[in-house]
Amino acid sequence: MKALRALLWMLALAAGPAWSLTEVEADALAKRAARGFPDAIKQLEELATGGDTLAEHFMGMLILSGKGVAPSDERALEWFARAARKGHVLSQHNAAVIYERARGKLKDPVQARRWYRAAAEQGYAASQANLGGMLLRGTGGPADAQEARKWIEKSAAQENARGRYLLGLLLLEGRAGLDRNPPEAVRLIRGAAEAADPVAQYRLALLYGTGNGVEKSDASALDWLRRAADAHLPEAEFMLASIYGAGLYGVARDDKEAVKWLRRSALQEYPDAEFSLGLAYAEGRGVEQDPSAAFGWFRRAARRGHGPAIEQVRRIEAQVKERQKLQ
């Protein structure tokens, strides 16, 4: 959640809203609190406890970021929810992001869709795009491609990168009542990629790699894939690891570099990367051979339902039992 925390904090400070203080004073107080000044944190908390909506929002941001206070997604969500119920659009969006992307008991796709919708109805482009994505996938409720298209188009009209990317996908695939239009689809996806949306960068890499809607180019595919991987997108990290592991796209085979990217992806709980990192440890490829570490990564992937990992775990456990019988 580190990247999420940083993003939400920057969004909040960039918004620069006013509360009971002047706008300048509010902005200065929030920044002082973020730098860990006890007096600013205390004042912000007192305002929030007293029911000030924007102070509630900034308390959520402070706790989410862990700047000057102990980080806690759960406590941040409590403050966001207080402000969200009063109609504060950024708090509605932030609450939705936590509900959608958190792990464990905080994850609640139904609530995520609810708060994205609340913020989307107030015209917030990022929420419109995320709501559209959930509607396309059927996450948090029934899928509805037509309604998804409505929100995605609204977001794209505001030049939101994720909205443009999703609209590009609809045009690329000819979905939600839209005719296929690869040139326009690529234009939109490229625009989102150039605006540093890592998912759009990854998709653009795939388009260049396959020549779908663009002239096939291994160099361009690798360039956009690196950008997405550098932005910590786990599927891009995994694909980059696969390229190094096989020596594709003009890249020299480098098992150590492959393991580096596998580990980055696996640490984000990407099952294919967890399984592949297990294989690397099992075979001593790019790392020192370590059966215990291999089994640990296989188990992690198996817990997420990864079929080959489940088979590996069962095979290893059966071998252990056989050896125990012979002792």
Protein backbone atom coordinates (compact mmCIF):
# COMPACT_ATOMS: atom_id res chain seq x y z
CA MET A 1 0.00 0.00 0.00
CA LYS A 2 3.05 2.36 0.06
CA ALA A 3 2.48 3.64 -3.48
CA LEU A 4 -1.23 4.05 -2.72
CA ARG A 5 -0.48 6.06 0.41
CA ALA A 6 1.89 8.38 -1.45
CA LEU A 7 -0.59 8.90 -4.28
CA LEU A 8 -3.51 9.71 -2.00
CA TRP A 9 -1.42 12.10 0.08
CA MET A 10 -0.29 14.02 -3.01
CA LEU A 11 -3.87 14.18 -4.26
CA ALA A 12 -5.02 15.61 -0.97
CA LEU A 13 -2.37 18.31 -0.78
CA ALA A 14 -2.82 19.19 -4.44
CA ALA A 15 -6.54 19.71 -3.88
CA GLY A 16 -5.82 22.46 -1.37
CA PRO A 17 -9.37 22.78 0.06
CA ALA A 18 -10.33 25.20 2.84
CA TRP A 19 -11.78 24.26 6.19
CA SER A 20 -12.69 26.45 9.17
CA LEU A 21 -9.25 28.02 8.72
CA THR A 22 -8.32 29.87 5.56
CA GLU A 23 -7.18 27.81 2.60
CA VAL A 24 -3.57 28.90 3.09
CA GLU A 25 -3.68 28.08 6.82
CA ALA A 26 -5.28 24.70 6.17
CA ASP A 27 -2.66 23.80 3.60
CA ALA A 28 0.17 24.90 5.89
CA LEU A 29 -1.25 22.95 8.84
CA ALA A 30 -1.63 19.75 6.80
CA LYS A 31 1.94 20.03 5.51
CA ARG A 32 3.32 20.71 9.00
CA ALA A 33 1.44 17.69 10.33
CA ALA A 34 2.85 15.57 7.50
CA ARG A 35 6.36 16.61 8.52
CA GLY A 36 5.67 15.37 12.03
CA PHE A 37 5.27 18.60 14.01
CA PRO A 38 3.42 17.60 17.21
CA ASP A 39 1.53 20.90 17.53
CA ALA A 40 0.18 20.62 13.97
CA ILE A 41 -0.84 16.97 14.46
CA LYS A 42 -2.58 17.88 17.72
CA GLN A 43 -4.45 20.80 16.16
CA LEU A 44 -5.49 18.73 13.16
CA GLU A 45 -6.75 15.93 15.39
CA GLU A 46 -8.69 18.37 17.60
CA LEU A 47 -10.40 19.87 14.55
CA ALA A 48 -11.21 16.41 13.21
CA THR A 49 -12.54 15.19 16.55
CA GLY A 50 -14.71 18.29 16.67
CA GLY A 51 -16.33 17.25 13.40
CA ASP A 52 -14.53 19.42 10.86
CA THR A 53 -14.93 17.54 7.58
CA LEU A 54 -11.67 18.56 5.95
CA ALA A 55 -9.73 17.93 9.14
CA GLU A 56 -11.24 14.43 9.20
CA HIS A 57 -10.04 13.93 5.65
CA PHE A 58 -6.52 15.14 6.41
CA MET A 59 -6.35 12.98 9.52
CA GLY A 60 -7.14 10.03 7.27
CA MET A 61 -4.35 11.09 4.90
CA LEU A 62 -1.91 11.55 7.77
CA ILE A 63 -2.58 8.09 9.20
CA LEU A 64 -2.64 6.43 5.79
CA SER A 65 0.75 7.89 4.93
CA GLY A 66 2.27 7.23 8.35
CA LYS A 67 3.82 10.70 8.33
CA GLY A 68 4.33 11.73 11.94
CA VAL A 69 1.94 9.07 13.24
CA ALA A 70 1.71 5.29 13.19
CA PRO A 71 0.29 4.12 9.82
CA SER A 72 -2.99 2.25 9.88
CA ASP A 73 -5.28 1.59 6.93
CA GLU A 74 -8.10 0.78 9.35
CA ARG A 75 -7.83 4.03 11.33
CA ALA A 76 -7.39 6.04 8.14
CA LEU A 77 -10.54 4.48 6.76
CA GLU A 78 -12.46 5.49 9.89
CA TRP A 79 -11.60 9.16 9.31
CA PHE A 80 -12.28 8.96 5.57
CA ALA A 81 -15.66 7.36 6.25
CA ARG A 82 -16.63 10.20 8.60
CA ALA A 83 -15.85 12.79 5.94
CA ALA A 84 -17.26 10.65 3.12
CA ARG A 85 -20.64 10.41 4.82
CA LYS A 86 -20.75 14.22 4.74
CA GLY A 87 -20.16 14.20 0.98
CA HIS A 88 -16.44 14.98 0.89
CA VAL A 89 -15.47 13.70 -2.53
CA LEU A 90 -11.79 12.92 -1.96
CA SER A 91 -12.65 11.03 1.22
CA GLN A 92 -15.27 9.05 -0.69
CA HIS A 93 -12.66 8.16 -3.31
CA ASN A 94 -9.99 7.30 -0.76
CA ALA A 95 -12.36 5.12 1.24
CA ALA A 96 -13.26 3.29 -1.97
CA VAL A 97 -9.58 2.73 -2.84
CA ILE A 98 -8.92 1.19 0.57
CA TYR A 99 -12.00 -1.01 0.36
CA GLU A 100 -11.00 -2.16 -3.13
CA ARG A 101 -7.27 -2.74 -2.68
CA ALA A 102 -6.76 -3.54 1.00
CA ARG A 103 -5.94 -7.05 2.10
CA GLY A 104 -7.72 -9.03 4.75
CA LYS A 105 -10.82 -7.88 6.58
CA LEU A 106 -10.79 -4.31 5.20
CA LYS A 107 -11.27 -5.51 1.62
CA ASP A 108 -14.90 -4.97 0.65
CA PRO A 109 -15.66 -4.62 -3.09
CA VAL A 110 -19.32 -3.79 -2.41
CA GLN A 111 -18.36 -0.79 -0.27
CA ALA A 112 -15.68 0.16 -2.79
CA ARG A 113 -18.24 0.35 -5.56
CA ARG A 114 -20.61 2.28 -3.33
CA TRP A 115 -18.10 5.02 -2.51
CA TYR A 116 -16.68 5.20 -6.03
CA ARG A 117 -20.23 5.80 -7.22
CA ALA A 118 -20.76 8.54 -4.64
CA ALA A 119 -17.63 10.36 -5.76
CA ALA A 120 -18.32 9.66 -9.45
CA GLU A 121 -21.72 11.26 -9.15
CA GLN A 122 -19.96 14.39 -7.90
CA GLY A 123 -17.88 14.39 -11.08
CA TYR A 124 -14.60 13.02 -9.69
CA ALA A 125 -12.84 11.57 -12.74
CA ALA A 126 -10.68 9.00 -10.94
CA SER A 127 -13.73 7.53 -9.23
CA GLN A 128 -15.65 7.50 -12.50
CA ALA A 129 -12.86 5.45 -14.10
CA ASN A 130 -12.56 3.05 -11.18
CA LEU A 131 -16.32 2.59 -10.99
CA GLY A 132 -16.36 1.87 -14.71
CA GLY A 133 -13.65 -0.73 -14.26
CA MET A 134 -15.56 -2.46 -11.46
CA LEU A 135 -18.72 -2.48 -13.56
CA LEU A 136 -16.84 -4.01 -16.49
CA ARG A 137 -15.35 -6.75 -14.31
CA GLY A 138 -18.48 -7.35 -12.25
CA THR A 139 -16.57 -6.59 -9.05
CA GLY A 140 -18.64 -5.65 -6.02
CA GLY A 141 -21.88 -6.31 -7.87
CA PRO A 142 -23.28 -7.32 -11.25
CA ALA A 143 -21.36 -6.50 -14.42
CA ASP A 144 -22.93 -3.81 -16.58
CA ALA A 145 -20.92 -2.89 -19.68
CA GLN A 146 -23.30 -0.14 -20.77
CA GLU A 147 -23.20 1.67 -17.44
CA ALA A 148 -19.45 1.09 -17.30
CA ARG A 149 -19.08 2.80 -20.67
CA LYS A 150 -21.04 5.82 -19.38
CA TRP A 151 -18.71 6.39 -16.45
CA ILE A 152 -15.57 5.61 -18.45
CA GLU A 153 -16.53 8.14 -21.12
CA LYS A 154 -17.19 10.77 -18.44
CA SER A 155 -13.76 10.12 -16.94
CA ALA A 156 -12.00 10.13 -20.31
CA ALA A 157 -13.69 13.42 -21.19
CA GLN A 158 -11.87 14.90 -18.20
CA GLU A 159 -8.61 13.46 -19.60
CA ASN A 160 -8.19 11.07 -16.68
CA ALA A 161 -5.48 8.58 -17.61
CA ARG A 162 -7.29 5.48 -16.34
CA GLY A 163 -10.52 6.58 -18.00
CA ARG A 164 -8.74 7.05 -21.32
CA TYR A 165 -7.09 3.65 -20.96
CA LEU A 166 -10.39 1.88 -20.25
CA LEU A 167 -12.10 3.64 -23.15
CA GLY A 168 -9.21 2.54 -25.33
CA LEU A 169 -9.78 -1.06 -24.25
CA LEU A 170 -13.47 -0.85 -25.13
CA LEU A 171 -12.58 0.47 -28.59
CA LEU A 172 -9.84 -2.10 -29.04
CA GLU A 173 -12.23 -4.96 -28.25
CA GLY A 174 -15.44 -3.46 -29.67
CA ARG A 175 -17.35 -3.74 -26.38
CA ALA A 176 -20.24 -1.96 -24.68
CA GLY A 177 -21.89 -1.03 -27.97
CA LEU A 178 -18.76 0.53 -29.47
CA ASP A 179 -17.35 -0.48 -32.85
CA ARG A 180 -13.76 -1.68 -32.94
CA ASN A 181 -11.43 1.20 -33.66
CA PRO A 182 -7.80 0.10 -33.14
CA PRO A 183 -6.17 3.41 -34.19
CA GLU A 184 -8.28 5.43 -31.72
CA ALA A 185 -7.85 2.74 -29.10
CA VAL A 186 -4.06 2.92 -29.39
CA ARG A 187 -4.16 6.72 -29.29
CA LEU A 188 -6.09 6.64 -26.01
CA ILE A 189 -3.97 3.90 -24.46
CA ARG A 190 -0.78 5.67 -25.51
CA GLY A 191 -2.04 8.90 -23.97
CA ALA A 192 -2.72 7.12 -20.70
CA ALA A 193 0.69 5.43 -20.85
CA GLU A 194 2.42 8.75 -21.46
CA ALA A 195 0.55 10.10 -18.43
CA ALA A 196 2.37 7.41 -16.41
CA ASP A 197 -0.51 4.99 -15.92
CA PRO A 198 1.38 1.70 -15.39
CA VAL A 199 -1.50 -0.53 -16.51
CA ALA A 200 -1.72 1.43 -19.78
CA GLN A 201 2.05 1.17 -20.17
CA TYR A 202 1.83 -2.58 -19.75
CA ARG A 203 -1.00 -2.89 -22.26
CA LEU A 204 0.86 -0.72 -24.77
CA ALA A 205 3.87 -2.99 -24.36
CA LEU A 206 1.66 -5.98 -25.20
CA LEU A 207 0.29 -4.19 -28.27
CA TYR A 208 3.81 -3.50 -29.56
CA GLY A 209 4.85 -7.05 -28.77
CA THR A 210 2.01 -8.54 -30.82
CA GLY A 211 1.59 -5.82 -33.46
CA ASN A 212 -2.07 -5.34 -32.47
CA GLY A 213 -3.12 -1.90 -33.73
CA VAL A 214 0.52 -0.77 -34.09
CA GLU A 215 3.57 -1.81 -36.04
CA LYS A 216 5.25 -4.64 -34.14
CA SER A 217 8.35 -3.42 -32.31
CA ASP A 218 10.30 -5.43 -29.75
CA ALA A 219 12.23 -2.32 -28.72
CA SER A 220 9.05 -0.32 -28.04
CA ALA A 221 7.47 -3.27 -26.26
CA LEU A 222 10.49 -3.59 -23.98
CA ASP A 223 10.62 0.15 -23.33
CA TRP A 224 6.99 0.36 -22.19
CA LEU A 225 7.29 -2.85 -20.23
CA ARG A 226 10.27 -1.45 -18.31
CA ARG A 227 8.30 1.67 -17.48
CA ALA A 228 5.42 -0.38 -16.10
CA ALA A 229 7.80 -2.61 -14.14
CA ASP A 230 9.63 0.42 -12.73
CA ALA A 231 6.22 1.61 -11.52
CA HIS A 232 5.93 -1.69 -9.57
CA LEU A 233 3.13 -3.23 -11.63
CA PRO A 234 3.48 -6.92 -10.64
CA GLU A 235 2.42 -8.42 -13.97
CA ALA A 236 4.94 -6.19 -15.78
CA GLU A 237 7.68 -7.20 -13.34
CA PHE A 238 6.83 -10.84 -13.93
CA MET A 239 6.90 -10.47 -17.71
CA LEU A 240 10.21 -8.61 -17.57
CA ALA A 241 11.59 -11.46 -15.45
CA SER A 242 10.39 -13.93 -18.08
CA ILE A 243 12.16 -11.95 -20.81
CA TYR A 244 15.45 -11.99 -18.91
CA GLY A 245 15.00 -15.65 -18.05
CA ALA A 246 14.55 -16.64 -21.70
CA GLY A 247 16.66 -13.97 -23.41
CA LEU A 248 13.83 -12.50 -25.50
CA TYR A 249 13.28 -9.14 -27.25
CA GLY A 250 16.99 -8.77 -27.93
CA VAL A 251 17.89 -9.00 -24.22
CA ALA A 252 20.73 -11.26 -23.18
CA ARG A 253 19.67 -14.06 -20.84
CA ASP A 254 20.39 -13.08 -17.24
CA ASP A 255 19.04 -15.40 -14.55
CA LYS A 256 20.04 -13.09 -11.69
CA GLU A 257 18.22 -10.16 -13.27
CA ALA A 258 15.23 -12.43 -13.86
CA VAL A 259 15.18 -13.41 -10.18
CA LYS A 260 15.38 -9.75 -9.16
CA TRP A 261 12.18 -8.93 -11.06
CA LEU A 262 10.51 -12.18 -9.98
CA ARG A 263 11.11 -11.29 -6.35
CA ARG A 264 9.66 -7.80 -6.79
CA SER A 265 6.54 -9.25 -8.35
CA ALA A 266 6.27 -12.13 -5.86
CA LEU A 267 6.50 -9.75 -2.91
CA GLN A 268 3.34 -8.12 -4.27
CA GLU A 269 1.63 -11.52 -4.03
CA TYR A 270 1.53 -12.19 -7.78
CA PRO A 271 1.00 -15.98 -7.92
CA ASP A 272 2.84 -16.67 -11.20
CA ALA A 273 5.89 -14.87 -9.84
CA GLU A 274 5.71 -16.69 -6.50
CA PHE A 275 5.61 -20.02 -8.31
CA SER A 276 8.42 -19.10 -10.71
CA LEU A 277 10.58 -17.84 -7.85
CA GLY A 278 9.99 -21.19 -6.17
CA LEU A 279 11.23 -22.95 -9.31
CA ALA A 280 14.31 -20.73 -9.38
CA TYR A 281 15.18 -21.74 -5.82
CA ALA A 282 14.42 -25.39 -6.55
CA GLU A 283 16.72 -25.42 -9.57
CA GLY A 284 19.36 -22.99 -8.33
CA ARG A 285 18.70 -20.73 -11.29
CA GLY A 286 19.81 -17.16 -10.59
CA VAL A 287 19.99 -17.90 -6.87
CA GLU A 288 21.68 -20.46 -4.65
CA GLN A 289 19.64 -23.68 -4.63
CA ASP A 290 17.42 -23.76 -1.55
CA PRO A 291 14.66 -26.41 -1.33
CA SER A 292 13.21 -24.83 1.80
CA ALA A 293 12.84 -21.41 0.15
CA ALA A 294 11.40 -23.09 -2.97
CA PHE A 295 8.76 -24.86 -0.91
CA GLY A 296 7.89 -21.61 0.88
CA TRP A 297 7.24 -19.80 -2.40
CA PHE A 298 5.29 -22.75 -3.79
CA ARG A 299 3.07 -22.67 -0.71
CA ARG A 300 2.46 -18.93 -1.07
CA ALA A 301 1.35 -19.38 -4.67
CA ALA A 302 -0.72 -22.45 -3.77
CA ARG A 303 -2.64 -20.49 -1.14
CA ARG A 304 -3.77 -18.20 -3.95
CA GLY A 305 -5.07 -21.14 -5.97
CA HIS A 306 -2.16 -21.43 -8.42
CA GLY A 307 -2.63 -24.88 -9.98
CA PRO A 308 0.99 -25.86 -10.73
CA ALA A 309 2.04 -24.61 -7.28
CA ILE A 310 -0.62 -26.75 -5.63
CA GLU A 311 0.71 -29.77 -7.53
CA GLN A 312 4.28 -28.99 -6.47
CA VAL A 313 3.28 -28.64 -2.81
CA ARG A 314 1.40 -31.95 -2.90
CA ARG A 315 4.33 -33.70 -4.60
CA ILE A 316 6.87 -32.38 -2.09
CA GLU A 317 4.63 -33.23 0.88
CA ALA A 318 4.16 -36.77 -0.49
CA GLN A 319 7.93 -37.19 -0.86
CA VAL A 320 8.47 -36.03 2.72
CA LYS A 321 5.93 -38.55 4.00
CA GLU A 322 7.59 -41.36 2.04
CA ARG A 323 10.98 -40.50 3.49
CA GLN A 324 9.52 -40.42 7.00
CA LYS A 325 8.10 -43.93 6.49
CA LEU A 326 11.53 -45.23 5.55
CA GLN A 327 13.19 -43.82 8.63
